[in-house]
Amino acid sequence: MPLTEKELMQRDAQRDIGEELLQSIRDVKAGRYGAVHQVETTEAAEARSRTGLSQIKFAQLLGVSVRTLQEWEQGRRMPSGAARSLLHIAAARPDVFREVLQGN
């Protein structure tokens, strides 16, 4: 059960944040730290990252909505057909992708 606002204030009033930070540094130096999680990057996110373009600009160049691009980047939807081919080009040769598509 979550703490109430009053309980949070009481708990925080008793904390020594400075000591907690120092202990955290000691733990890291000693090799003790929390779990490390790897986040899988989707092909769409990787391709856009390599081009250095914003979501808005990249979506415009692909001819899709920003929302569609976000769905691809978050792995909720998969691009198909020509969009998938353009993503392959953008990932492999971002310089060519920018040059060709920005020339239009």
PDB file of N, CA and C in Angstrom:
ATOM      1  N   MET A   1       0.852  -1.180   0.000  1.00  0.00           N
ATOM      2  CA  MET A   1       0.000   0.000   0.000  1.00  0.00           C
ATOM      3  C   MET A   1       0.894   1.238   0.000  1.00  0.00           C
ATOM      4  N   PRO A   2       0.600   2.207  -0.874  1.00  0.00           N
ATOM      5  CA  PRO A   2       1.425   3.411  -0.945  1.00  0.00           C
ATOM      6  C   PRO A   2       1.321   4.239   0.326  1.00  0.00           C
ATOM      7  N   LEU A   3       2.394   4.982   0.577  1.00  0.00           N
ATOM      8  CA  LEU A   3       2.416   5.856   1.744  1.00  0.00           C
ATOM      9  C   LEU A   3       1.578   7.096   1.494  1.00  0.00           C
ATOM     10  N   THR A   4       1.011   7.619   2.557  1.00  0.00           N
ATOM     11  CA  THR A   4       0.266   8.870   2.454  1.00  0.00           C
ATOM     12  C   THR A   4       1.263  10.013   2.388  1.00  0.00           C
ATOM     13  N   GLU A   5       0.782  11.176   2.052  1.00  0.00           N
ATOM     14  CA  GLU A   5       1.651  12.359   1.987  1.00  0.00           C
ATOM     15  C   GLU A   5       2.316  12.610   3.344  1.00  0.00           C
ATOM     16  N   LYS A   6       1.571  12.455   4.412  1.00  0.00           N
ATOM     17  CA  LYS A   6       2.106  12.677   5.761  1.00  0.00           C
ATOM     18  C   LYS A   6       3.196  11.650   6.082  1.00  0.00           C
ATOM     19  N   GLU A   7       2.951  10.393   5.724  1.00  0.00           N
ATOM     20  CA  GLU A   7       3.942   9.334   5.984  1.00  0.00           C
ATOM     21  C   GLU A   7       5.216   9.563   5.170  1.00  0.00           C
ATOM     22  N   LEU A   8       5.051  10.033   3.935  1.00  0.00           N
ATOM     23  CA  LEU A   8       6.219  10.346   3.110  1.00  0.00           C
ATOM     24  C   LEU A   8       7.047  11.466   3.730  1.00  0.00           C
ATOM     25  N   MET A   9       6.380  12.495   4.199  1.00  0.00           N
ATOM     26  CA  MET A   9       7.075  13.626   4.826  1.00  0.00           C
ATOM     27  C   MET A   9       7.822  13.176   6.078  1.00  0.00           C
ATOM     28  N   GLN A  10       7.215  12.331   6.891  1.00  0.00           N
ATOM     29  CA  GLN A  10       7.870  11.830   8.106  1.00  0.00           C
ATOM     30  C   GLN A  10       9.091  10.978   7.744  1.00  0.00           C
ATOM     31  N   ARG A  11       8.920  10.099   6.764  1.00  0.00           N
ATOM     32  CA  ARG A  11      10.035   9.244   6.345  1.00  0.00           C
ATOM     33  C   ARG A  11      11.195  10.087   5.827  1.00  0.00           C
ATOM     34  N   ASP A  12      10.892  11.054   4.954  1.00  0.00           N
ATOM     35  CA  ASP A  12      11.938  11.873   4.355  1.00  0.00           C
ATOM     36  C   ASP A  12      12.639  12.761   5.379  1.00  0.00           C
ATOM     37  N   ALA A  13      11.933  13.182   6.409  1.00  0.00           N
ATOM     38  CA  ALA A  13      12.531  14.023   7.447  1.00  0.00           C
ATOM     39  C   ALA A  13      13.605  13.268   8.217  1.00  0.00           C
ATOM     40  N   GLN A  14      13.532  11.946   8.247  1.00  0.00           N
ATOM     41  CA  GLN A  14      14.499  11.135   8.990  1.00  0.00           C
ATOM     42  C   GLN A  14      15.665  10.661   8.131  1.00  0.00           C
ATOM     43  N   ARG A  15      15.640  10.958   6.857  1.00  0.00           N
ATOM     44  CA  ARG A  15      16.680  10.469   5.953  1.00  0.00           C
ATOM     45  C   ARG A  15      17.903  11.378   5.973  1.00  0.00           C
ATOM     46  N   ASP A  16      19.074  10.779   5.746  1.00  0.00           N
ATOM     47  CA  ASP A  16      20.322  11.527   5.573  1.00  0.00           C
ATOM     48  C   ASP A  16      20.753  11.299   4.121  1.00  0.00           C
ATOM     49  N   ILE A  17      20.284  12.166   3.248  1.00  0.00           N
ATOM     50  CA  ILE A  17      20.511  11.998   1.820  1.00  0.00           C
ATOM     51  C   ILE A  17      22.002  11.996   1.493  1.00  0.00           C
ATOM     52  N   GLY A  18      22.763  12.857   2.154  1.00  0.00           N
ATOM     53  CA  GLY A  18      24.214  12.907   1.922  1.00  0.00           C
ATOM     54  C   GLY A  18      24.867  11.563   2.205  1.00  0.00           C
ATOM     55  N   GLU A  19      24.523  10.949   3.317  1.00  0.00           N
ATOM     56  CA  GLU A  19      25.088   9.646   3.674  1.00  0.00           C
ATOM     57  C   GLU A  19      24.625   8.565   2.700  1.00  0.00           C
ATOM     58  N   GLU A  20      23.369   8.628   2.287  1.00  0.00           N
ATOM     59  CA  GLU A  20      22.872   7.660   1.310  1.00  0.00           C
ATOM     60  C   GLU A  20      23.642   7.754  -0.003  1.00  0.00           C
ATOM     61  N   LEU A  21      23.932   8.974  -0.446  1.00  0.00           N
ATOM     62  CA  LEU A  21      24.705   9.161  -1.677  1.00  0.00           C
ATOM     63  C   LEU A  21      26.126   8.628  -1.526  1.00  0.00           C
ATOM     64  N   LEU A  22      26.750   8.935  -0.416  1.00  0.00           N
ATOM     65  CA  LEU A  22      28.106   8.428  -0.181  1.00  0.00           C
ATOM     66  C   LEU A  22      28.121   6.904  -0.146  1.00  0.00           C
ATOM     67  N   GLN A  23      27.132   6.304   0.488  1.00  0.00           N
ATOM     68  CA  GLN A  23      27.062   4.850   0.533  1.00  0.00           C
ATOM     69  C   GLN A  23      26.862   4.277  -0.865  1.00  0.00           C
ATOM     70  N   SER A  24      26.078   4.964  -1.675  1.00  0.00           N
ATOM     71  CA  SER A  24      25.872   4.520  -3.059  1.00  0.00           C
ATOM     72  C   SER A  24      27.185   4.534  -3.827  1.00  0.00           C
ATOM     73  N   ILE A  25      27.967   5.572  -3.641  1.00  0.00           N
ATOM     74  CA  ILE A  25      29.278   5.655  -4.308  1.00  0.00           C
ATOM     75  C   ILE A  25      30.185   4.530  -3.831  1.00  0.00           C
ATOM     76  N   ARG A  26      30.188   4.276  -2.522  1.00  0.00           N
ATOM     77  CA  ARG A  26      31.005   3.179  -1.990  1.00  0.00           C
ATOM     78  C   ARG A  26      30.569   1.837  -2.591  1.00  0.00           C
ATOM     79  N   ASP A  27      29.259   1.635  -2.715  1.00  0.00           N
ATOM     80  CA  ASP A  27      28.733   0.393  -3.280  1.00  0.00           C
ATOM     81  C   ASP A  27      29.180   0.206  -4.729  1.00  0.00           C
ATOM     82  N   VAL A  28      29.093   1.266  -5.509  1.00  0.00           N
ATOM     83  CA  VAL A  28      29.493   1.174  -6.916  1.00  0.00           C
ATOM     84  C   VAL A  28      30.987   0.879  -7.017  1.00  0.00           C
ATOM     85  N   LYS A  29      31.789   1.561  -6.222  1.00  0.00           N
ATOM     86  CA  LYS A  29      33.232   1.317  -6.250  1.00  0.00           C
ATOM     87  C   LYS A  29      33.574  -0.114  -5.841  1.00  0.00           C
ATOM     88  N   ALA A  30      32.759  -0.683  -4.986  1.00  0.00           N
ATOM     89  CA  ALA A  30      32.990  -2.057  -4.527  1.00  0.00           C
ATOM     90  C   ALA A  30      32.363  -3.084  -5.483  1.00  0.00           C
ATOM     91  N   GLY A  31      31.751  -2.607  -6.558  1.00  0.00           N
ATOM     92  CA  GLY A  31      31.152  -3.521  -7.523  1.00  0.00           C
ATOM     93  C   GLY A  31      29.748  -3.959  -7.177  1.00  0.00           C
ATOM     94  N   ARG A  32      29.156  -3.311  -6.197  1.00  0.00           N
ATOM     95  CA  ARG A  32      27.773  -3.643  -5.821  1.00  0.00           C
ATOM     96  C   ARG A  32      26.844  -2.590  -6.417  1.00  0.00           C
ATOM     97  N   TYR A  33      26.012  -3.016  -7.303  1.00  0.00           N
ATOM     98  CA  TYR A  33      25.043  -2.088  -7.873  1.00  0.00           C
ATOM     99  C   TYR A  33      23.849  -2.867  -8.375  1.00  0.00           C
ATOM    100  N   GLY A  34      22.806  -2.149  -8.711  1.00  0.00           N
ATOM    101  CA  GLY A  34      21.539  -2.773  -9.108  1.00  0.00           C
ATOM    102  C   GLY A  34      21.614  -3.473 -10.445  1.00  0.00           C
ATOM    103  N   ALA A  35      20.533  -4.009 -10.837  1.00  0.00           N
ATOM    104  CA  ALA A  35      20.442  -4.749 -12.091  1.00  0.00           C
ATOM    105  C   ALA A  35      20.643  -3.816 -13.279  1.00  0.00           C
ATOM    106  N   VAL A  36      21.269  -4.333 -14.303  1.00  0.00           N
ATOM    107  CA  VAL A  36      21.463  -3.597 -15.541  1.00  0.00           C
ATOM    108  C   VAL A  36      20.524  -4.192 -16.580  1.00  0.00           C
ATOM    109  N   HIS A  37      19.755  -3.340 -17.199  1.00  0.00           N
ATOM    110  CA  HIS A  37      18.785  -3.798 -18.190  1.00  0.00           C
ATOM    111  C   HIS A  37      19.196  -3.297 -19.570  1.00  0.00           C
ATOM    112  N   GLN A  38      19.116  -4.162 -20.544  1.00  0.00           N
ATOM    113  CA  GLN A  38      19.384  -3.782 -21.926  1.00  0.00           C
ATOM    114  C   GLN A  38      18.048  -3.532 -22.627  1.00  0.00           C
ATOM    115  N   VAL A  39      17.941  -2.389 -23.250  1.00  0.00           N
ATOM    116  CA  VAL A  39      16.727  -2.052 -23.975  1.00  0.00           C
ATOM    117  C   VAL A  39      16.990  -2.289 -25.453  1.00  0.00           C
ATOM    118  N   GLU A  40      16.150  -3.113 -26.060  1.00  0.00           N
ATOM    119  CA  GLU A  40      16.297  -3.409 -27.482  1.00  0.00           C
ATOM    120  C   GLU A  40      15.857  -2.196 -28.290  1.00  0.00           C
ATOM    121  N   THR A  41      16.668  -1.826 -29.260  1.00  0.00           N
ATOM    122  CA  THR A  41      16.338  -0.716 -30.131  1.00  0.00           C
ATOM    123  C   THR A  41      15.706  -1.263 -31.399  1.00  0.00           C
ATOM    124  N   THR A  42      14.591  -0.687 -31.793  1.00  0.00           N
ATOM    125  CA  THR A  42      13.930  -1.139 -33.008  1.00  0.00           C
ATOM    126  C   THR A  42      14.675  -0.628 -34.230  1.00  0.00           C
ATOM    127  N   GLU A  43      14.433  -1.260 -35.353  1.00  0.00           N
ATOM    128  CA  GLU A  43      15.082  -0.842 -36.599  1.00  0.00           C
ATOM    129  C   GLU A  43      14.739   0.608 -36.931  1.00  0.00           C
ATOM    130  N   ALA A  44      13.497   0.994 -36.704  1.00  0.00           N
ATOM    131  CA  ALA A  44      13.078   2.363 -37.002  1.00  0.00           C
ATOM    132  C   ALA A  44      13.817   3.368 -36.124  1.00  0.00           C
ATOM    133  N   ALA A  45      13.933   3.084 -34.846  1.00  0.00           N
ATOM    134  CA  ALA A  45      14.639   3.994 -33.938  1.00  0.00           C
ATOM    135  C   ALA A  45      16.120   4.070 -34.285  1.00  0.00           C
ATOM    136  N   GLU A  46      16.718   2.932 -34.612  1.00  0.00           N
ATOM    137  CA  GLU A  46      18.129   2.901 -34.991  1.00  0.00           C
ATOM    138  C   GLU A  46      18.363   3.689 -36.270  1.00  0.00           C
ATOM    139  N   ALA A  47      17.495   3.501 -37.250  1.00  0.00           N
ATOM    140  CA  ALA A  47      17.636   4.204 -38.529  1.00  0.00           C
ATOM    141  C   ALA A  47      17.540   5.714 -38.325  1.00  0.00           C
ATOM    142  N   ARG A  48      16.543   6.144 -37.570  1.00  0.00           N
ATOM    143  CA  ARG A  48      16.399   7.589 -37.336  1.00  0.00           C
ATOM    144  C   ARG A  48      17.575   8.148 -36.570  1.00  0.00           C
ATOM    145  N   SER A  49      18.047   7.396 -35.593  1.00  0.00           N
ATOM    146  CA  SER A  49      19.189   7.828 -34.804  1.00  0.00           C
ATOM    147  C   SER A  49      20.423   8.032 -35.687  1.00  0.00           C
ATOM    148  N   ARG A  50      20.632   7.143 -36.606  1.00  0.00           N
ATOM    149  CA  ARG A  50      21.801   7.246 -37.495  1.00  0.00           C
ATOM    150  C   ARG A  50      21.721   8.443 -38.425  1.00  0.00           C
ATOM    151  N   THR A  51      20.511   8.838 -38.782  1.00  0.00           N
ATOM    152  CA  THR A  51      20.371  10.005 -39.657  1.00  0.00           C
ATOM    153  C   THR A  51      20.538  11.311 -38.893  1.00  0.00           C
ATOM    154  N   GLY A  52      20.301  11.269 -37.584  1.00  0.00           N
ATOM    155  CA  GLY A  52      20.395  12.475 -36.776  1.00  0.00           C
ATOM    156  C   GLY A  52      19.208  13.406 -36.926  1.00  0.00           C
ATOM    157  N   LEU A  53      18.129  12.901 -37.504  1.00  0.00           N
ATOM    158  CA  LEU A  53      16.945  13.731 -37.734  1.00  0.00           C
ATOM    159  C   LEU A  53      15.954  13.610 -36.579  1.00  0.00           C
ATOM    160  N   SER A  54      15.146  14.649 -36.430  1.00  0.00           N
ATOM    161  CA  SER A  54      14.071  14.615 -35.432  1.00  0.00           C
ATOM    162  C   SER A  54      12.983  13.668 -35.917  1.00  0.00           C
ATOM    163  N   GLN A  55      12.097  13.279 -35.002  1.00  0.00           N
ATOM    164  CA  GLN A  55      10.981  12.425 -35.398  1.00  0.00           C
ATOM    165  C   GLN A  55      10.120  13.110 -36.450  1.00  0.00           C
ATOM    166  N   ILE A  56       9.901  14.391 -36.290  1.00  0.00           N
ATOM    167  CA  ILE A  56       9.047  15.119 -37.227  1.00  0.00           C
ATOM    168  C   ILE A  56       9.651  15.102 -38.624  1.00  0.00           C
ATOM    169  N   LYS A  57      10.930  15.459 -38.739  1.00  0.00           N
ATOM    170  CA  LYS A  57      11.579  15.513 -40.041  1.00  0.00           C
ATOM    171  C   LYS A  57      11.685  14.123 -40.660  1.00  0.00           C
ATOM    172  N   PHE A  58      12.068  13.128 -39.874  1.00  0.00           N
ATOM    173  CA  PHE A  58      12.220  11.766 -40.381  1.00  0.00           C
ATOM    174  C   PHE A  58      10.871  11.241 -40.883  1.00  0.00           C
ATOM    175  N   ALA A  59       9.812  11.490 -40.133  1.00  0.00           N
ATOM    176  CA  ALA A  59       8.467  11.047 -40.550  1.00  0.00           C
ATOM    177  C   ALA A  59       8.060  11.731 -41.850  1.00  0.00           C
ATOM    178  N   GLN A  60       8.358  13.020 -41.975  1.00  0.00           N
ATOM    179  CA  GLN A  60       8.036  13.747 -43.205  1.00  0.00           C
ATOM    180  C   GLN A  60       8.770  13.137 -44.396  1.00  0.00           C
ATOM    181  N   LEU A  61      10.050  12.829 -44.213  1.00  0.00           N
ATOM    182  CA  LEU A  61      10.836  12.260 -45.303  1.00  0.00           C
ATOM    183  C   LEU A  61      10.347  10.868 -45.699  1.00  0.00           C
ATOM    184  N   LEU A  62       9.842  10.121 -44.736  1.00  0.00           N
ATOM    185  CA  LEU A  62       9.301   8.786 -45.037  1.00  0.00           C
ATOM    186  C   LEU A  62       7.886   8.846 -45.583  1.00  0.00           C
ATOM    187  N   GLY A  63       7.221   9.983 -45.404  1.00  0.00           N
ATOM    188  CA  GLY A  63       5.846  10.124 -45.861  1.00  0.00           C
ATOM    189  C   GLY A  63       4.835   9.473 -44.938  1.00  0.00           C
ATOM    190  N   VAL A  64       5.151   9.446 -43.635  1.00  0.00           N
ATOM    191  CA  VAL A  64       4.236   8.874 -42.644  1.00  0.00           C
ATOM    192  C   VAL A  64       3.993   9.894 -41.545  1.00  0.00           C
ATOM    193  N   SER A  65       2.996   9.646 -40.729  1.00  0.00           N
ATOM    194  CA  SER A  65       2.732  10.542 -39.601  1.00  0.00           C
ATOM    195  C   SER A  65       3.759  10.302 -38.495  1.00  0.00           C
ATOM    196  N   VAL A  66       3.926  11.311 -37.668  1.00  0.00           N
ATOM    197  CA  VAL A  66       4.840  11.178 -36.526  1.00  0.00           C
ATOM    198  C   VAL A  66       4.355  10.049 -35.625  1.00  0.00           C
ATOM    199  N   ARG A  67       3.055   9.927 -35.462  1.00  0.00           N
ATOM    200  CA  ARG A  67       2.494   8.874 -34.614  1.00  0.00           C
ATOM    201  C   ARG A  67       2.847   7.490 -35.147  1.00  0.00           C
ATOM    202  N   THR A  68       2.780   7.314 -36.460  1.00  0.00           N
ATOM    203  CA  THR A  68       3.145   6.031 -37.063  1.00  0.00           C
ATOM    204  C   THR A  68       4.615   5.728 -36.785  1.00  0.00           C
ATOM    205  N   LEU A  69       5.472   6.731 -36.975  1.00  0.00           N
ATOM    206  CA  LEU A  69       6.893   6.542 -36.691  1.00  0.00           C
ATOM    207  C   LEU A  69       7.106   6.172 -35.224  1.00  0.00           C
ATOM    208  N   GLN A  70       6.409   6.837 -34.331  1.00  0.00           N
ATOM    209  CA  GLN A  70       6.527   6.518 -32.904  1.00  0.00           C
ATOM    210  C   GLN A  70       6.100   5.082 -32.621  1.00  0.00           C
ATOM    211  N   GLU A  71       5.036   4.640 -33.258  1.00  0.00           N
ATOM    212  CA  GLU A  71       4.581   3.253 -33.089  1.00  0.00           C
ATOM    213  C   GLU A  71       5.669   2.281 -33.543  1.00  0.00           C
ATOM    214  N   TRP A  72       6.328   2.576 -34.658  1.00  0.00           N
ATOM    215  CA  TRP A  72       7.421   1.723 -35.151  1.00  0.00           C
ATOM    216  C   TRP A  72       8.588   1.738 -34.172  1.00  0.00           C
ATOM    217  N   GLU A  73       8.963   2.943 -33.728  1.00  0.00           N
ATOM    218  CA  GLU A  73      10.118   3.068 -32.835  1.00  0.00           C
ATOM    219  C   GLU A  73       9.886   2.364 -31.501  1.00  0.00           C
ATOM    220  N   GLN A  74       8.659   2.334 -31.046  1.00  0.00           N
ATOM    221  CA  GLN A  74       8.349   1.707 -29.767  1.00  0.00           C
ATOM    222  C   GLN A  74       8.004   0.230 -29.909  1.00  0.00           C
ATOM    223  N   GLY A  75       8.031  -0.262 -31.138  1.00  0.00           N
ATOM    224  CA  GLY A  75       7.817  -1.685 -31.377  1.00  0.00           C
ATOM    225  C   GLY A  75       6.374  -2.141 -31.299  1.00  0.00           C
ATOM    226  N   ARG A  76       5.440  -1.204 -31.292  1.00  0.00           N
ATOM    227  CA  ARG A  76       4.021  -1.580 -31.238  1.00  0.00           C
ATOM    228  C   ARG A  76       3.472  -1.945 -32.603  1.00  0.00           C
ATOM    229  N   ARG A  77       4.096  -1.402 -33.652  1.00  0.00           N
ATOM    230  CA  ARG A  77       3.724  -1.733 -35.023  1.00  0.00           C
ATOM    231  C   ARG A  77       4.997  -1.935 -35.821  1.00  0.00           C
ATOM    232  N   MET A  78       4.864  -2.652 -36.929  1.00  0.00           N
ATOM    233  CA  MET A  78       6.013  -2.917 -37.788  1.00  0.00           C
ATOM    234  C   MET A  78       5.782  -2.278 -39.153  1.00  0.00           C
ATOM    235  N   PRO A  79       6.808  -1.588 -39.673  1.00  0.00           N
ATOM    236  CA  PRO A  79       6.662  -1.020 -41.014  1.00  0.00           C
ATOM    237  C   PRO A  79       6.634  -2.135 -42.056  1.00  0.00           C
ATOM    238  N   SER A  80       6.039  -1.842 -43.193  1.00  0.00           N
ATOM    239  CA  SER A  80       6.002  -2.848 -44.251  1.00  0.00           C
ATOM    240  C   SER A  80       6.350  -2.200 -45.578  1.00  0.00           C
ATOM    241  N   GLY A  81       6.625  -3.020 -46.560  1.00  0.00           N
ATOM    242  CA  GLY A  81       6.849  -2.564 -47.920  1.00  0.00           C
ATOM    243  C   GLY A  81       7.932  -1.527 -48.072  1.00  0.00           C
ATOM    244  N   ALA A  82       7.583  -0.443 -48.757  1.00  0.00           N
ATOM    245  CA  ALA A  82       8.551   0.601 -49.084  1.00  0.00           C
ATOM    246  C   ALA A  82       9.135   1.252 -47.824  1.00  0.00           C
ATOM    247  N   ALA A  83       8.326   1.418 -46.806  1.00  0.00           N
ATOM    248  CA  ALA A  83       8.821   2.032 -45.567  1.00  0.00           C
ATOM    249  C   ALA A  83       9.945   1.205 -44.961  1.00  0.00           C
ATOM    250  N   ARG A  84       9.794  -0.108 -44.967  1.00  0.00           N
ATOM    251  CA  ARG A  84      10.835  -0.979 -44.425  1.00  0.00           C
ATOM    252  C   ARG A  84      12.119  -0.858 -45.259  1.00  0.00           C
ATOM    253  N   SER A  85      11.976  -0.756 -46.568  1.00  0.00           N
ATOM    254  CA  SER A  85      13.138  -0.595 -47.447  1.00  0.00           C
ATOM    255  C   SER A  85      13.845   0.729 -47.165  1.00  0.00           C
ATOM    256  N   LEU A  86      13.072   1.796 -46.992  1.00  0.00           N
ATOM    257  CA  LEU A  86      13.675   3.092 -46.685  1.00  0.00           C
ATOM    258  C   LEU A  86      14.384   3.070 -45.339  1.00  0.00           C
ATOM    259  N   LEU A  87      13.830   2.352 -44.378  1.00  0.00           N
ATOM    260  CA  LEU A  87      14.488   2.245 -43.071  1.00  0.00           C
ATOM    261  C   LEU A  87      15.819   1.500 -43.193  1.00  0.00           C
ATOM    262  N   HIS A  88      15.863   0.471 -44.032  1.00  0.00           N
ATOM    263  CA  HIS A  88      17.116  -0.254 -44.261  1.00  0.00           C
ATOM    264  C   HIS A  88      18.175   0.686 -44.846  1.00  0.00           C
ATOM    265  N   ILE A  89      17.765   1.496 -45.819  1.00  0.00           N
ATOM    266  CA  ILE A  89      18.694   2.447 -46.438  1.00  0.00           C
ATOM    267  C   ILE A  89      19.157   3.474 -45.414  1.00  0.00           C
ATOM    268  N   ALA A  90      18.222   3.997 -44.640  1.00  0.00           N
ATOM    269  CA  ALA A  90      18.567   5.006 -43.635  1.00  0.00           C
ATOM    270  C   ALA A  90      19.549   4.454 -42.611  1.00  0.00           C
ATOM    271  N   ALA A  91      19.382   3.190 -42.222  1.00  0.00           N
ATOM    272  CA  ALA A  91      20.279   2.586 -41.237  1.00  0.00           C
ATOM    273  C   ALA A  91      21.653   2.312 -41.837  1.00  0.00           C
ATOM    274  N   ALA A  92      21.684   1.822 -43.079  1.00  0.00           N
ATOM    275  CA  ALA A  92      22.952   1.449 -43.697  1.00  0.00           C
ATOM    276  C   ALA A  92      23.723   2.652 -44.227  1.00  0.00           C
ATOM    277  N   ARG A  93      23.014   3.605 -44.809  1.00  0.00           N
ATOM    278  CA  ARG A  93      23.660   4.754 -45.440  1.00  0.00           C
ATOM    279  C   ARG A  93      22.899   6.036 -45.116  1.00  0.00           C
ATOM    280  N   PRO A  94      22.985   6.501 -43.896  1.00  0.00           N
ATOM    281  CA  PRO A  94      22.215   7.689 -43.520  1.00  0.00           C
ATOM    282  C   PRO A  94      22.572   8.911 -44.354  1.00  0.00           C
ATOM    283  N   ASP A  95      23.815   8.998 -44.798  1.00  0.00           N
ATOM    284  CA  ASP A  95      24.223  10.137 -45.618  1.00  0.00           C
ATOM    285  C   ASP A  95      23.487  10.135 -46.956  1.00  0.00           C
ATOM    286  N   VAL A  96      23.391   8.978 -47.586  1.00  0.00           N
ATOM    287  CA  VAL A  96      22.676   8.850 -48.858  1.00  0.00           C
ATOM    288  C   VAL A  96      21.200   9.115 -48.655  1.00  0.00           C
ATOM    289  N   PHE A  97      20.665   8.583 -47.601  1.00  0.00           N
ATOM    290  CA  PHE A  97      19.237   8.767 -47.285  1.00  0.00           C
ATOM    291  C   PHE A  97      18.912  10.258 -47.172  1.00  0.00           C
ATOM    292  N   ARG A  98      19.713  10.991 -46.412  1.00  0.00           N
ATOM    293  CA  ARG A  98      19.450  12.421 -46.243  1.00  0.00           C
ATOM    294  C   ARG A  98      19.607  13.150 -47.568  1.00  0.00           C
ATOM    295  N   GLU A  99      20.660  12.823 -48.306  1.00  0.00           N
ATOM    296  CA  GLU A  99      20.930  13.504 -49.578  1.00  0.00           C
ATOM    297  C   GLU A  99      19.799  13.302 -50.582  1.00  0.00           C
ATOM    298  N   VAL A 100      19.385  12.056 -50.777  1.00  0.00           N
ATOM    299  CA  VAL A 100      18.351  11.743 -51.764  1.00  0.00           C
ATOM    300  C   VAL A 100      17.005  12.302 -51.356  1.00  0.00           C
ATOM    301  N   LEU A 101      16.589  12.092 -50.128  1.00  0.00           N
ATOM    302  CA  LEU A 101      15.254  12.509 -49.714  1.00  0.00           C
ATOM    303  C   LEU A 101      15.149  14.015 -49.489  1.00  0.00           C
ATOM    304  N   GLN A 102      16.214  14.664 -49.110  1.00  0.00           N
ATOM    305  CA  GLN A 102      16.145  16.107 -48.886  1.00  0.00           C
ATOM    306  C   GLN A 102      16.252  16.887 -50.191  1.00  0.00           C
ATOM    307  N   GLY A 103      16.663  16.212 -51.248  1.00  0.00           N
ATOM    308  CA  GLY A 103      16.758  16.856 -52.540  1.00  0.00           C
ATOM    309  C   GLY A 103      15.416  17.069 -53.197  1.00  0.00           C
ATOM    310  N   ASN A 104      14.388  16.430 -52.661  1.00  0.00           N
ATOM    311  CA  ASN A 104      13.044  16.568 -53.260  1.00  0.00           C
ATOM    312  C   ASN A 104      12.403  17.870 -52.902  1.00  0.00           C
TER     313      ASN A 104
END
